[in-house]
Structure formats: C-alpha cells, structure tokens
C-alpha atoms as a PDB file:
ATOM      1  CA  UNK A   1      89.993 147.857 100.542  1.00  0.00           C
ATOM      2  CA  UNK A   2      91.575 145.184  98.334  1.00  0.00           C
ATOM      3  CA  UNK A   3      92.175 141.775  99.911  1.00  0.00           C
ATOM      4  CA  UNK A   4      93.651 138.516  98.696  1.00  0.00           C
ATOM      5  CA  UNK A   5      90.146 137.419  97.705  1.00  0.00           C
ATOM      6  CA  UNK A   6      90.013 140.276  95.217  1.00  0.00           C
ATOM      7  CA  UNK A   7      92.439 138.323  93.044  1.00  0.00           C
ATOM      8  CA  UNK A   8      90.703 136.130  90.458  1.00  0.00           C
ATOM      9  CA  UNK A   9      90.597 132.527  91.758  1.00  0.00           C
ATOM     10  CA  UNK A  10      92.425 131.044  88.780  1.00  0.00           C
ATOM     11  CA  UNK A  11      95.261 133.497  89.235  1.00  0.00           C
ATOM     12  CA  UNK A  12      95.343 132.951  92.999  1.00  0.00           C
ATOM     13  CA  UNK A  13      95.640 129.172  92.520  1.00  0.00           C
ATOM     14  CA  UNK A  14      98.423 129.679  90.077  1.00  0.00           C
ATOM     15  CA  UNK A  15     100.329 131.827  92.566  1.00  0.00           C
ATOM     16  CA  UNK A  16      99.830 129.394  95.474  1.00  0.00           C
ATOM     17  CA  UNK A  17     100.871 126.460  93.340  1.00  0.00           C
ATOM     18  CA  UNK A  18     104.475 127.754  93.356  1.00  0.00           C
ATOM     19  CA  UNK A  19     104.713 127.895  97.160  1.00  0.00           C
ATOM     20  CA  UNK A  20     106.499 125.154  99.085  1.00  0.00           C
ATOM     21  CA  UNK A  21     104.454 122.920 101.365  1.00  0.00           C
ATOM     22  CA  UNK A  22     105.621 124.640 104.561  1.00  0.00           C
ATOM     23  CA  UNK A  23     104.548 128.071 103.265  1.00  0.00           C
ATOM     24  CA  UNK A  24     101.152 126.686 102.231  1.00  0.00           C
ATOM     25  CA  UNK A  25     100.630 125.211 105.664  1.00  0.00           C
ATOM     26  CA  UNK A  26     101.479 128.591 107.252  1.00  0.00           C
ATOM     27  CA  UNK A  27      99.083 130.290 104.830  1.00  0.00           C
ATOM     28  CA  UNK A  28      96.335 127.794 105.585  1.00  0.00           C
ATOM     29  CA  UNK A  29      96.102 128.673 109.317  1.00  0.00           C
ATOM     30  CA  UNK A  30      95.323 132.289 108.731  1.00  0.00           C
ATOM     31  CA  UNK A  31      91.641 131.721 108.054  1.00  0.00           C
ATOM     32  CA  UNK A  32      89.093 129.140 106.941  1.00  0.00           C
ATOM     33  CA  UNK A  33      89.031 130.457 103.389  1.00  0.00           C
ATOM     34  CA  UNK A  34      92.831 130.421 103.218  1.00  0.00           C
ATOM     35  CA  UNK A  35      92.775 126.855 104.555  1.00  0.00           C
ATOM     36  CA  UNK A  36      90.546 125.854 101.689  1.00  0.00           C
ATOM     37  CA  UNK A  37      92.658 127.691  99.119  1.00  0.00           C
ATOM     38  CA  UNK A  38      95.902 126.118 100.412  1.00  0.00           C
ATOM     39  CA  UNK A  39      94.449 122.607 100.421  1.00  0.00           C
ATOM     40  CA  UNK A  40      93.227 123.035  96.837  1.00  0.00           C
ATOM     41  CA  UNK A  41      96.666 124.328  95.685  1.00  0.00           C
ATOM     42  CA  UNK A  42      98.716 121.192  96.611  1.00  0.00           C
ATOM     43  CA  UNK A  43      99.041 119.435  93.302  1.00  0.00           C
ATOM     44  CA  UNK A  44     102.455 117.753  93.776  1.00  0.00           C
ATOM     45  CA  UNK A  45     103.490 115.961  96.973  1.00  0.00           C
ATOM     46  CA  UNK A  46     106.174 113.608  98.121  1.00  0.00           C
ATOM     47  CA  UNK A  47     105.306 112.279 101.527  1.00  0.00           C
ATOM     48  CA  UNK A  48     106.780 109.721 103.909  1.00  0.00           C
ATOM     49  CA  UNK A  49     106.871 108.930 107.658  1.00  0.00           C
ATOM     50  CA  UNK A  50     110.178 107.771 109.110  1.00  0.00           C
ATOM     51  CA  UNK A  51     111.287 106.508 112.572  1.00  0.00           C
ATOM     52  CA  UNK A  52     114.651 108.302 112.388  1.00  0.00           C
ATOM     53  CA  UNK A  53     116.306 111.089 110.505  1.00  0.00           C
ATOM     54  CA  UNK A  54     118.845 108.562 109.103  1.00  0.00           C
ATOM     55  CA  UNK A  55     116.065 106.395 107.695  1.00  0.00           C
ATOM     56  CA  UNK A  56     114.660 109.397 105.878  1.00  0.00           C
ATOM     57  CA  UNK A  57     118.053 110.340 104.404  1.00  0.00           C
ATOM     58  CA  UNK A  58     118.780 106.789 103.220  1.00  0.00           C
ATOM     59  CA  UNK A  59     115.362 106.498 101.624  1.00  0.00           C
ATOM     60  CA  UNK A  60     115.734 109.752  99.752  1.00  0.00           C
ATOM     61  CA  UNK A  61     119.215 108.850  98.642  1.00  0.00           C
ATOM     62  CA  UNK A  62     118.186 105.426  97.456  1.00  0.00           C
ATOM     63  CA  UNK A  63     115.292 106.663  95.375  1.00  0.00           C
ATOM     64  CA  UNK A  64     116.815 109.728  93.737  1.00  0.00           C
ATOM     65  CA  UNK A  65     119.615 110.187  91.269  1.00  0.00           C
ATOM     66  CA  UNK A  66     121.700 111.895  94.012  1.00  0.00           C
ATOM     67  CA  UNK A  67     125.175 110.511  94.515  1.00  0.00           C
ATOM     68  CA  UNK A  68     125.837 112.068  97.871  1.00  0.00           C
ATOM     69  CA  UNK A  69     123.929 112.651 101.101  1.00  0.00           C
ATOM     70  CA  UNK A  70     124.078 116.419 100.876  1.00  0.00           C
ATOM     71  CA  UNK A  71     122.341 116.367  97.491  1.00  0.00           C
ATOM     72  CA  UNK A  72     119.738 113.982  98.788  1.00  0.00           C
ATOM     73  CA  UNK A  73     119.029 116.263 101.748  1.00  0.00           C
ATOM     74  CA  UNK A  74     118.557 119.301  99.506  1.00  0.00           C
ATOM     75  CA  UNK A  75     115.183 120.857 100.250  1.00  0.00           C
ATOM     76  CA  UNK A  76     112.456 120.071  97.751  1.00  0.00           C
ATOM     77  CA  UNK A  77     109.440 122.405  98.167  1.00  0.00           C
ATOM     78  CA  UNK A  78     107.057 119.490  97.482  1.00  0.00           C
ATOM     79  CA  UNK A  79     108.701 116.911  99.820  1.00  0.00           C
ATOM     80  CA  UNK A  80     107.538 116.273 103.350  1.00  0.00           C
ATOM     81  CA  UNK A  81     109.600 113.764 105.397  1.00  0.00           C
ATOM     82  CA  UNK A  82     108.086 113.441 108.869  1.00  0.00           C
ATOM     83  CA  UNK A  83     110.345 112.099 111.579  1.00  0.00           C
ATOM     84  CA  UNK A  84     108.553 110.534 114.532  1.00  0.00           C
ATOM     85  CA  UNK A  85     110.191 111.898 117.789  1.00  0.00           C
ATOM     86  CA  UNK A  86     111.687 109.165 119.922  1.00  0.00           C
ATOM     87  CA  UNK A  87     110.012 106.486 117.863  1.00  0.00           C
ATOM     88  CA  UNK A  88     112.200 103.776 119.444  1.00  0.00           C
ATOM     89  CA  UNK A  89     110.402 104.401 122.797  1.00  0.00           C
ATOM     90  CA  UNK A  90     106.898 103.950 121.430  1.00  0.00           C
ATOM     91  CA  UNK A  91     105.134 100.511 121.313  1.00  0.00           C
ATOM     92  CA  UNK A  92     104.872  99.312 117.717  1.00  0.00           C
ATOM     93  CA  UNK A  93     101.038  99.047 117.663  1.00  0.00           C
ATOM     94  CA  UNK A  94     100.772 102.679 118.623  1.00  0.00           C
ATOM     95  CA  UNK A  95     103.520 103.683 116.154  1.00  0.00           C
ATOM     96  CA  UNK A  96     101.728 101.889 113.292  1.00  0.00           C
ATOM     97  CA  UNK A  97      98.379 103.343 114.256  1.00  0.00           C
ATOM     98  CA  UNK A  98      99.944 106.831 114.200  1.00  0.00           C
ATOM     99  CA  UNK A  99     101.606 106.136 110.832  1.00  0.00           C
ATOM    100  CA  UNK A 100      98.335 104.945 109.278  1.00  0.00           C
ATOM    101  CA  UNK A 101      96.148 107.705 110.706  1.00  0.00           C
ATOM    102  CA  UNK A 102      98.577 110.490 109.664  1.00  0.00           C
ATOM    103  CA  UNK A 103      99.068 109.123 106.132  1.00  0.00           C
ATOM    104  CA  UNK A 104      95.340 108.630 105.667  1.00  0.00           C
ATOM    105  CA  UNK A 105      94.644 112.197 106.928  1.00  0.00           C
ATOM    106  CA  UNK A 106      97.111 113.721 104.473  1.00  0.00           C
ATOM    107  CA  UNK A 107      95.677 111.815 101.521  1.00  0.00           C
ATOM    108  CA  UNK A 108      92.067 112.749 102.460  1.00  0.00           C
ATOM    109  CA  UNK A 109      92.988 116.398 102.881  1.00  0.00           C
ATOM    110  CA  UNK A 110      94.513 116.755  99.427  1.00  0.00           C
ATOM    111  CA  UNK A 111      92.547 114.067  97.559  1.00  0.00           C
ATOM    112  CA  UNK A 112      90.833 116.556  95.240  1.00  0.00           C
ATOM    113  CA  UNK A 113      93.942 118.579  94.278  1.00  0.00           C
ATOM    114  CA  UNK A 114      96.706 116.038  93.968  1.00  0.00           C
ATOM    115  CA  UNK A 115      97.999 115.388  90.466  1.00  0.00           C
ATOM    116  CA  UNK A 116     101.446 114.008  91.223  1.00  0.00           C
ATOM    117  CA  UNK A 117     102.086 111.847  94.314  1.00  0.00           C
ATOM    118  CA  UNK A 118     105.158 110.103  95.624  1.00  0.00           C
ATOM    119  CA  UNK A 119     104.058 108.115  98.676  1.00  0.00           C
ATOM    120  CA  UNK A 120     106.261 106.028 100.968  1.00  0.00           C
ATOM    121  CA  UNK A 121     104.435 103.906 103.549  1.00  0.00           C
ATOM    122  CA  UNK A 122     105.441 101.144 106.007  1.00  0.00           C
ATOM    123  CA  UNK A 123     102.480  98.967 105.203  1.00  0.00           C
ATOM    124  CA  UNK A 124      99.492  99.348 102.933  1.00  0.00           C
ATOM    125  CA  UNK A 125      96.422  98.929 105.123  1.00  0.00           C
ATOM    126  CA  UNK A 126      92.724  99.275 104.196  1.00  0.00           C
ATOM    127  CA  UNK A 127      92.429 102.864 105.416  1.00  0.00           C
ATOM    128  CA  UNK A 128      95.468 104.163 103.542  1.00  0.00           C
ATOM    129  CA  UNK A 129      94.391 102.236 100.359  1.00  0.00           C
ATOM    130  CA  UNK A 130      90.875 103.660 100.526  1.00  0.00           C
ATOM    131  CA  UNK A 131      92.213 107.233 100.922  1.00  0.00           C
ATOM    132  CA  UNK A 132      94.721 106.714  98.130  1.00  0.00           C
ATOM    133  CA  UNK A 133      92.090 105.277  95.792  1.00  0.00           C
ATOM    134  CA  UNK A 134      90.056 108.428  96.405  1.00  0.00           C
ATOM    135  CA  UNK A 135      92.722 110.638  94.836  1.00  0.00           C
ATOM    136  CA  UNK A 136      90.851 110.583  91.516  1.00  0.00           C
ATOM    137  CA  UNK A 137      92.813 113.384  89.823  1.00  0.00           C
ATOM    138  CA  UNK A 138      96.192 111.716  89.961  1.00  0.00           C
ATOM    139  CA  UNK A 139      98.301 111.794  86.791  1.00  0.00           C
ATOM    140  CA  UNK A 140     101.439 110.222  88.226  1.00  0.00           C
ATOM    141  CA  UNK A 141     101.738 107.911  91.271  1.00  0.00           C
ATOM    142  CA  UNK A 142     104.707 106.415  92.932  1.00  0.00           C
ATOM    143  CA  UNK A 143     103.808 103.970  95.752  1.00  0.00           C
ATOM    144  CA  UNK A 144     106.743 102.740  97.725  1.00  0.00           C
ATOM    145  CA  UNK A 145     106.372 100.291 100.600  1.00  0.00           C
ATOM    146  CA  UNK A 146     109.395 100.362 102.917  1.00  0.00           C
ATOM    147  CA  UNK A 147     108.874  98.853 106.369  1.00  0.00           C
ATOM    148  CA  UNK A 148     111.737  99.831 108.715  1.00  0.00           C
ATOM    149  CA  UNK A 149     110.626  97.344 111.388  1.00  0.00           C
ATOM    150  CA  UNK A 150     110.343  94.118 109.497  1.00  0.00           C
ATOM    151  CA  UNK A 151     112.838  91.310 109.661  1.00  0.00           C
ATOM    152  CA  UNK A 152     111.093  88.248 108.174  1.00  0.00           C
ATOM    153  CA  UNK A 153     111.010  87.303 104.491  1.00  0.00           C
ATOM    154  CA  UNK A 154     108.164  87.308 102.033  1.00  0.00           C
ATOM    155  CA  UNK A 155     107.049  83.765 102.854  1.00  0.00           C
ATOM    156  CA  UNK A 156     106.047  84.530 106.441  1.00  0.00           C
ATOM    157  CA  UNK A 157     102.347  85.049 107.197  1.00  0.00           C
ATOM    158  CA  UNK A 158     103.172  87.908 109.574  1.00  0.00           C
ATOM    159  CA  UNK A 159     105.572  90.816 109.321  1.00  0.00           C
ATOM    160  CA  UNK A 160     107.583  90.834 112.553  1.00  0.00           C
ATOM    161  CA  UNK A 161     109.698  93.451 114.110  1.00  0.00           C
ATOM    162  CA  UNK A 162     113.272  92.801 115.237  1.00  0.00           C
ATOM    163  CA  UNK A 163     111.932  92.065 118.655  1.00  0.00           C
ATOM    164  CA  UNK A 164     109.412  89.542 117.323  1.00  0.00           C
ATOM    165  CA  UNK A 165     106.322  91.715 117.735  1.00  0.00           C
ATOM    166  CA  UNK A 166     103.596  90.940 115.183  1.00  0.00           C
ATOM    167  CA  UNK A 167     103.218  94.085 113.062  1.00  0.00           C
ATOM    168  CA  UNK A 168     100.775  93.257 110.310  1.00  0.00           C
ATOM    169  CA  UNK A 169      99.289  90.224 108.565  1.00  0.00           C
ATOM    170  CA  UNK A 170     100.500  90.151 105.037  1.00  0.00           C
ATOM    171  CA  UNK A 171      97.144  89.011 103.825  1.00  0.00           C
ATOM    172  CA  UNK A 172      95.748  92.410 104.934  1.00  0.00           C
ATOM    173  CA  UNK A 173      98.055  94.136 102.472  1.00  0.00           C
ATOM    174  CA  UNK A 174      97.092  91.631  99.761  1.00  0.00           C
ATOM    175  CA  UNK A 175      93.416  92.519 100.335  1.00  0.00           C
ATOM    176  CA  UNK A 176      94.155  96.242 100.324  1.00  0.00           C
ATOM    177  CA  UNK A 177      95.148  96.101  96.703  1.00  0.00           C
ATOM    178  CA  UNK A 178      91.613  95.026  95.749  1.00  0.00           C
ATOM    179  CA  UNK A 179      90.471  98.510  96.727  1.00  0.00           C
ATOM    180  CA  UNK A 180      92.325  99.927  93.703  1.00  0.00           C
ATOM    181  CA  UNK A 181      90.122  98.014  91.267  1.00  0.00           C
ATOM    182  CA  UNK A 182      88.927 100.745  88.900  1.00  0.00           C
ATOM    183  CA  UNK A 183      90.885 103.511  90.727  1.00  0.00           C
ATOM    184  CA  UNK A 184      92.141 106.752  89.206  1.00  0.00           C
ATOM    185  CA  UNK A 185      91.567 106.511  85.414  1.00  0.00           C
ATOM    186  CA  UNK A 186      93.924 109.246  84.172  1.00  0.00           C
ATOM    187  CA  UNK A 187      97.347 107.992  85.249  1.00  0.00           C
ATOM    188  CA  UNK A 188     100.241 108.564  82.861  1.00  0.00           C
ATOM    189  CA  UNK A 189     103.002 107.345  85.177  1.00  0.00           C
ATOM    190  CA  UNK A 190     102.715 104.429  87.673  1.00  0.00           C
ATOM    191  CA  UNK A 191     105.604 103.203  89.857  1.00  0.00           C
ATOM    192  CA  UNK A 192     105.154 100.499  92.527  1.00  0.00           C
ATOM    193  CA  UNK A 193     107.971  99.292  94.727  1.00  0.00           C
ATOM    194  CA  UNK A 194     108.089  96.561  97.355  1.00  0.00           C
ATOM    195  CA  UNK A 195     104.356  95.803  97.172  1.00  0.00           C
ATOM    196  CA  UNK A 196     102.505  92.520  97.606  1.00  0.00           C
ATOM    197  CA  UNK A 197     100.435  93.127  94.493  1.00  0.00           C
ATOM    198  CA  UNK A 198      99.490  90.260  92.220  1.00  0.00           C
ATOM    199  CA  UNK A 199      99.399  90.313  88.438  1.00  0.00           C
ATOM    200  CA  UNK A 200      95.586  90.161  88.478  1.00  0.00           C
ATOM    201  CA  UNK A 201      95.347  93.123  90.889  1.00  0.00           C
ATOM    202  CA  UNK A 202      97.689  95.265  88.783  1.00  0.00           C
ATOM    203  CA  UNK A 203      95.763  94.280  85.671  1.00  0.00           C
ATOM    204  CA  UNK A 204      92.603  95.731  87.152  1.00  0.00           C
ATOM    205  CA  UNK A 205      94.371  98.997  87.787  1.00  0.00           C
ATOM    206  CA  UNK A 206      95.857  99.199  84.325  1.00  0.00           C
ATOM    207  CA  UNK A 207      92.559  98.338  82.561  1.00  0.00           C
ATOM    208  CA  UNK A 208      91.077 101.664  83.559  1.00  0.00           C
ATOM    209  CA  UNK A 209      94.323 103.557  83.028  1.00  0.00           C
ATOM    210  CA  UNK A 210      95.172 103.097  79.364  1.00  0.00           C
ATOM    211  CA  UNK A 211      97.055 106.417  79.251  1.00  0.00           C
ATOM    212  CA  UNK A 212      99.994 105.093  81.291  1.00  0.00           C
ATOM    213  CA  UNK A 213     103.204 105.897  79.448  1.00  0.00           C
ATOM    214  CA  UNK A 214     105.668 104.894  82.149  1.00  0.00           C
ATOM    215  CA  UNK A 215     105.196 101.685  84.167  1.00  0.00           C
ATOM    216  CA  UNK A 216     107.692 100.664  86.790  1.00  0.00           C
ATOM    217  CA  UNK A 217     107.398  97.683  89.196  1.00  0.00           C
ATOM    218  CA  UNK A 218     110.281  96.935  91.546  1.00  0.00           C
ATOM    219  CA  UNK A 219     110.632  94.177  94.142  1.00  0.00           C
ATOM    220  CA  UNK A 220     107.027  93.067  93.606  1.00  0.00           C
ATOM    221  CA  UNK A 221     107.578  89.324  94.051  1.00  0.00           C
ATOM    222  CA  UNK A 222     103.992  88.283  93.341  1.00  0.00           C
ATOM    223  CA  UNK A 223     104.056  89.619  89.832  1.00  0.00           C
ATOM    224  CA  UNK A 224     104.795  87.102  87.097  1.00  0.00           C
ATOM    225  CA  UNK A 225     104.465  86.399  83.366  1.00  0.00           C
ATOM    226  CA  UNK A 226     100.695  86.762  83.527  1.00  0.00           C
ATOM    227  CA  UNK A 227     101.205  90.495  83.810  1.00  0.00           C
ATOM    228  CA  UNK A 228     103.318  90.434  80.654  1.00  0.00           C
ATOM    229  CA  UNK A 229     100.691  88.467  78.785  1.00  0.00           C
ATOM    230  CA  UNK A 230      98.127  91.071  79.701  1.00  0.00           C
ATOM    231  CA  UNK A 231     100.379  93.983  78.755  1.00  0.00           C
ATOM    232  CA  UNK A 232     101.279  92.455  75.349  1.00  0.00           C
ATOM    233  CA  UNK A 233      97.879  91.229  74.298  1.00  0.00           C
ATOM    234  CA  UNK A 234      94.946  92.787  76.181  1.00  0.00           C
ATOM    235  CA  UNK A 235      95.983  96.179  77.514  1.00  0.00           C
ATOM    236  CA  UNK A 236      94.665  99.072  75.460  1.00  0.00           C
ATOM    237  CA  UNK A 237      97.615 101.309  76.253  1.00  0.00           C
ATOM    238  CA  UNK A 238     100.345  98.915  75.066  1.00  0.00           C
ATOM    239  CA  UNK A 239     101.121 100.635  71.804  1.00  0.00           C
ATOM    240  CA  UNK A 240     101.821 103.967  73.517  1.00  0.00           C
ATOM    241  CA  UNK A 241     103.900 102.701  76.470  1.00  0.00           C
ATOM    242  CA  UNK A 242     107.266 104.428  76.444  1.00  0.00           C
ATOM    243  CA  UNK A 243     109.109 103.120  79.525  1.00  0.00           C
ATOM    244  CA  UNK A 244     108.808  99.739  81.317  1.00  0.00           C
ATOM    245  CA  UNK A 245     110.772  98.590  84.300  1.00  0.00           C
ATOM    246  CA  UNK A 246     110.379  95.061  85.703  1.00  0.00           C
ATOM    247  CA  UNK A 247     113.028  94.963  88.387  1.00  0.00           C
ATOM    248  CA  UNK A 248     113.459  92.200  90.925  1.00  0.00           C
ATOM    249  CA  UNK A 249     109.943  90.801  90.438  1.00  0.00           C
ATOM    250  CA  UNK A 250     108.649  87.317  89.707  1.00  0.00           C
ATOM    251  CA  UNK A 251     109.921  84.772  87.216  1.00  0.00           C
ATOM    252  CA  UNK A 252     109.705  85.674  83.498  1.00  0.00           C
ATOM    253  CA  UNK A 253     110.473  83.314  80.658  1.00  0.00           C
ATOM    254  CA  UNK A 254     111.913  84.134  77.218  1.00  0.00           C
ATOM    255  CA  UNK A 255     108.905  82.953  75.319  1.00  0.00           C
ATOM    256  CA  UNK A 256     106.532  85.302  77.122  1.00  0.00           C
ATOM    257  CA  UNK A 257     108.956  88.196  76.740  1.00  0.00           C
ATOM    258  CA  UNK A 258     109.327  87.661  73.011  1.00  0.00           C
ATOM    259  CA  UNK A 259     105.520  87.499  72.491  1.00  0.00           C
ATOM    260  CA  UNK A 260     104.868  90.630  74.511  1.00  0.00           C
ATOM    261  CA  UNK A 261     107.577  93.105  73.391  1.00  0.00           C
ATOM    262  CA  UNK A 262     106.444  93.523  69.732  1.00  0.00           C
ATOM    263  CA  UNK A 263     103.199  95.048  71.010  1.00  0.00           C
ATOM    264  CA  UNK A 264     104.987  98.033  72.630  1.00  0.00           C
ATOM    265  CA  UNK A 265     105.401 100.164  69.536  1.00  0.00           C
ATOM    266  CA  UNK A 266     106.915 103.256  71.259  1.00  0.00           C
ATOM    267  CA  UNK A 267     108.973 101.563  73.981  1.00  0.00           C
ATOM    268  CA  UNK A 268     112.232 103.462  74.464  1.00  0.00           C
ATOM    269  CA  UNK A 269     113.261 102.186  77.918  1.00  0.00           C
ATOM    270  CA  UNK A 270     113.215  98.647  79.249  1.00  0.00           C
ATOM    271  CA  UNK A 271     114.809  97.449  82.486  1.00  0.00           C
ATOM    272  CA  UNK A 272     114.829  93.759  83.439  1.00  0.00           C
ATOM    273  CA  UNK A 273     117.384  94.126  86.176  1.00  0.00           C
ATOM    274  CA  UNK A 274     117.216  91.243  88.677  1.00  0.00           C
ATOM    275  CA  UNK A 275     114.630  89.326  86.687  1.00  0.00           C
ATOM    276  CA  UNK A 276     114.823  85.563  87.196  1.00  0.00           C
ATOM    277  CA  UNK A 277     114.290  83.101  84.342  1.00  0.00           C
ATOM    278  CA  UNK A 278     116.020  84.912  81.486  1.00  0.00           C
ATOM    279  CA  UNK A 279     119.418  84.275  79.863  1.00  0.00           C
ATOM    280  CA  UNK A 280     121.360  87.555  79.788  1.00  0.00           C
ATOM    281  CA  UNK A 281     123.224  86.763  76.539  1.00  0.00           C
ATOM    282  CA  UNK A 282     120.094  85.739  74.700  1.00  0.00           C
ATOM    283  CA  UNK A 283     118.176  88.824  75.866  1.00  0.00           C
ATOM    284  CA  UNK A 284     121.010  91.130  74.827  1.00  0.00           C
ATOM    285  CA  UNK A 285     121.269  89.441  71.425  1.00  0.00           C
ATOM    286  CA  UNK A 286     117.537  89.793  70.838  1.00  0.00           C
ATOM    287  CA  UNK A 287     117.673  93.447  71.627  1.00  0.00           C
ATOM    288  CA  UNK A 288     120.625  94.076  69.324  1.00  0.00           C
ATOM    289  CA  UNK A 289     119.032  92.158  66.433  1.00  0.00           C
ATOM    290  CA  UNK A 290     115.253  92.592  66.820  1.00  0.00           C
ATOM    291  CA  UNK A 291     113.922  94.881  69.519  1.00  0.00           C
ATOM    292  CA  UNK A 292     116.370  97.780  69.186  1.00  0.00           C
ATOM    293  CA  UNK A 293     115.372  99.368  72.491  1.00  0.00           C
ATOM    294  CA  UNK A 294     117.714 102.256  72.941  1.00  0.00           C
ATOM    295  CA  UNK A 295     117.766 102.365  76.766  1.00  0.00           C
ATOM    296  CA  UNK A 296     117.934  98.718  77.681  1.00  0.00           C
ATOM    297  CA  UNK A 297     119.017  97.223  81.016  1.00  0.00           C
ATOM    298  CA  UNK A 298     119.563  93.439  80.957  1.00  0.00           C
ATOM    299  CA  UNK A 299     118.561  91.011  83.729  1.00  0.00           C
ATOM    300  CA  UNK A 300     121.997  90.844  85.338  1.00  0.00           C
ATOM    301  CA  UNK A 301     125.383  92.540  85.388  1.00  0.00           C
ATOM    302  CA  UNK A 302     127.898  91.666  82.698  1.00  0.00           C
ATOM    303  CA  UNK A 303     129.724  89.535  85.241  1.00  0.00           C
ATOM    304  CA  UNK A 304     126.720  87.164  85.324  1.00  0.00           C
ATOM    305  CA  UNK A 305     126.001  87.955  88.970  1.00  0.00           C
ATOM    306  CA  UNK A 306     122.694  89.358  90.087  1.00  0.00           C
ATOM    307  CA  UNK A 307     122.941  93.008  90.994  1.00  0.00           C
ATOM    308  CA  UNK A 308     121.793  93.553  94.617  1.00  0.00           C
ATOM    309  CA  UNK A 309     119.004  96.049  95.276  1.00  0.00           C
ATOM    310  CA  UNK A 310     120.318  96.914  98.722  1.00  0.00           C
ATOM    311  CA  UNK A 311     123.807  97.387 100.080  1.00  0.00           C
ATOM    312  CA  UNK A 312     123.955  96.793 103.801  1.00  0.00           C
ATOM    313  CA  UNK A 313     126.101  99.071 105.921  1.00  0.00           C
ATOM    314  CA  UNK A 314     127.235  98.410 109.468  1.00  0.00           C
ATOM    315  CA  UNK A 315     125.569 101.106 111.651  1.00  0.00           C
ATOM    316  CA  UNK A 316     128.879 101.508 113.513  1.00  0.00           C
ATOM    317  CA  UNK A 317     130.269 103.304 110.525  1.00  0.00           C
ATOM    318  CA  UNK A 318     127.393 105.810 110.411  1.00  0.00           C
ATOM    319  CA  UNK A 319     127.675 108.985 112.380  1.00  0.00           C
ATOM    320  CA  UNK A 320     124.492 110.422 113.837  1.00  0.00           C
ATOM    321  CA  UNK A 321     123.793 114.128 113.678  1.00  0.00           C
END
C-alpha cells in the first residue's frame, strides 16, 4: 500500500513548501515523521508576538506597502502573528519571559530550514540572539525591534513600562549583538530596525556576509559614519551592493558620504530619510551631477522639515473589534 513516504523526499519537500504555516502545523501532529518533514519544509517565515490584535495590525500596516487596514490584514501563508490572550492582566516579567521563550523555541525548531525570516521582537535578549544566530541557512533577514511596553527614550539605562516597571537593561541588548559576530555567512538581504547595534557590531556581521545586495538600517541610533567608512573602503561586498537605506540613524557628514558612495558600483537605491548632519540641497545636487542614483530619497522632505517615522493616533478614535 502506497503511503506519503513512498513519494521521493525531494518531491515531498517541494510539495510541502507550498503549504501555509497553519497547514504545516496540522500536518506535523499526525506522526513523528510528519513532524520532522513539516519542520524541514518551513523555509520562509514572518513571525511576531503582540499584546493586542490592534498592535499586530498596526505593525503589519506600518511595515508593508499596504495603504489600508484590510490589505494589511490579508492572510499571508508565511506570516504568524501571535496575540497573547489578556496580556494586560499578566505581570510584565512573566509576559517577557513568555515572549522570549516562545520566540526562541520557534527559531530553534526551524533553524535548519529557514531561508527567509522576518522577525519582530520586543527586546533582543541573549537567548533569542543565540537561537537567531544558529539559523545558518538564512539568505534574507529582517530583524525588527518594537517594544509595545516602553516609554523612556534611548538615553535611559533601563527600558520602563508605562507603569514604571523595569523591563530590560539596555546593556543586555547591546551585549546580545556580539553573539552575531561571524553569524550566517550567506545573507543577500539584511534589514535591521529599531536596534541598539553599534557600527562595530554590524561590521562584524557584514564581514562574513559579503553577498549582501540589500542593506537597510532604520532607527538604529548607535550607527554612525564609522559604518559608512567600513562599507566604502573595507567591505568586500561594496561593489555589488544594489540597495542601501540609512533611515533615522546616527549623524552622517557630507565628507564621509562623498568618500563612500563611489565604491558602490551597482547602487540603484539610496535612502537617507531622517539622516542628521546632511544638507538636503547639497545632497540632491550631488546626486543629480555625480552619483546619478535612480531611486534616491534625500535626508528630509522638500519643505525642509524632518519626516516623522511614526504618526501618533489618539486611541479614542480607534474602534476595537
């Protein structure tokens, strides 16, 4: 009698790779062998844990090209947005422990099969970083740090909740980035948002990932011109880089920018939105006369005002489901 295991493994993996995550999870509970097959078939995953359904919707809307909430809510077979039931009733230490343990468990389970990962976390602790660094087969990685419970700015030693509860020492997240020293090796796309990563820490990641063709860093305030100096002079992959976004990060001066850009021979997209230290008119003139980057986003809007990353909305105007 023919069974599913009669199908050649390579064909079976190809079939399973088209299934949405929910179907794969259902398939995985049928037997131990099916569990192994399902785990090895998850090559693309977008994962995030959220305290409310609204937080999930806003996050997905903010980080996609969707222009309305219905489009942002459209089911993606590779997207898993986990909503913690009655999260507001749980003590924050327990909530953060659950978030960290669940995220770590997911990364460990699919570490050998993942090729494309979009990960949203509240904080980057040592356990999550270790599990993420173990996903050695990644080709594209988006790491987004969005903490829904934090109210203090970047200069505070602790991240605090609205009620003043200490959530996480920021130095712990700083140290977590050291775990990525030498990680992955075959990345072609790297996107980092809202992280406390330094220029030196990101340099260590890029040194062993010379095949990166798209590099995007957003709201990473510890990054500065030292990263640009590395990209323009030392990084092996600089001549093949096609897209570079440096949005809302640390100060960058015109001299460093001018010295670095000529090294990017294939650059077709450059975004400097929200970058401090550059004169918008001078940068636009340089691109028109020398750089000729087709898809170019200047540091600020044409009105001369910085473009905000976040638009705050009064919760009173938002209707809950």
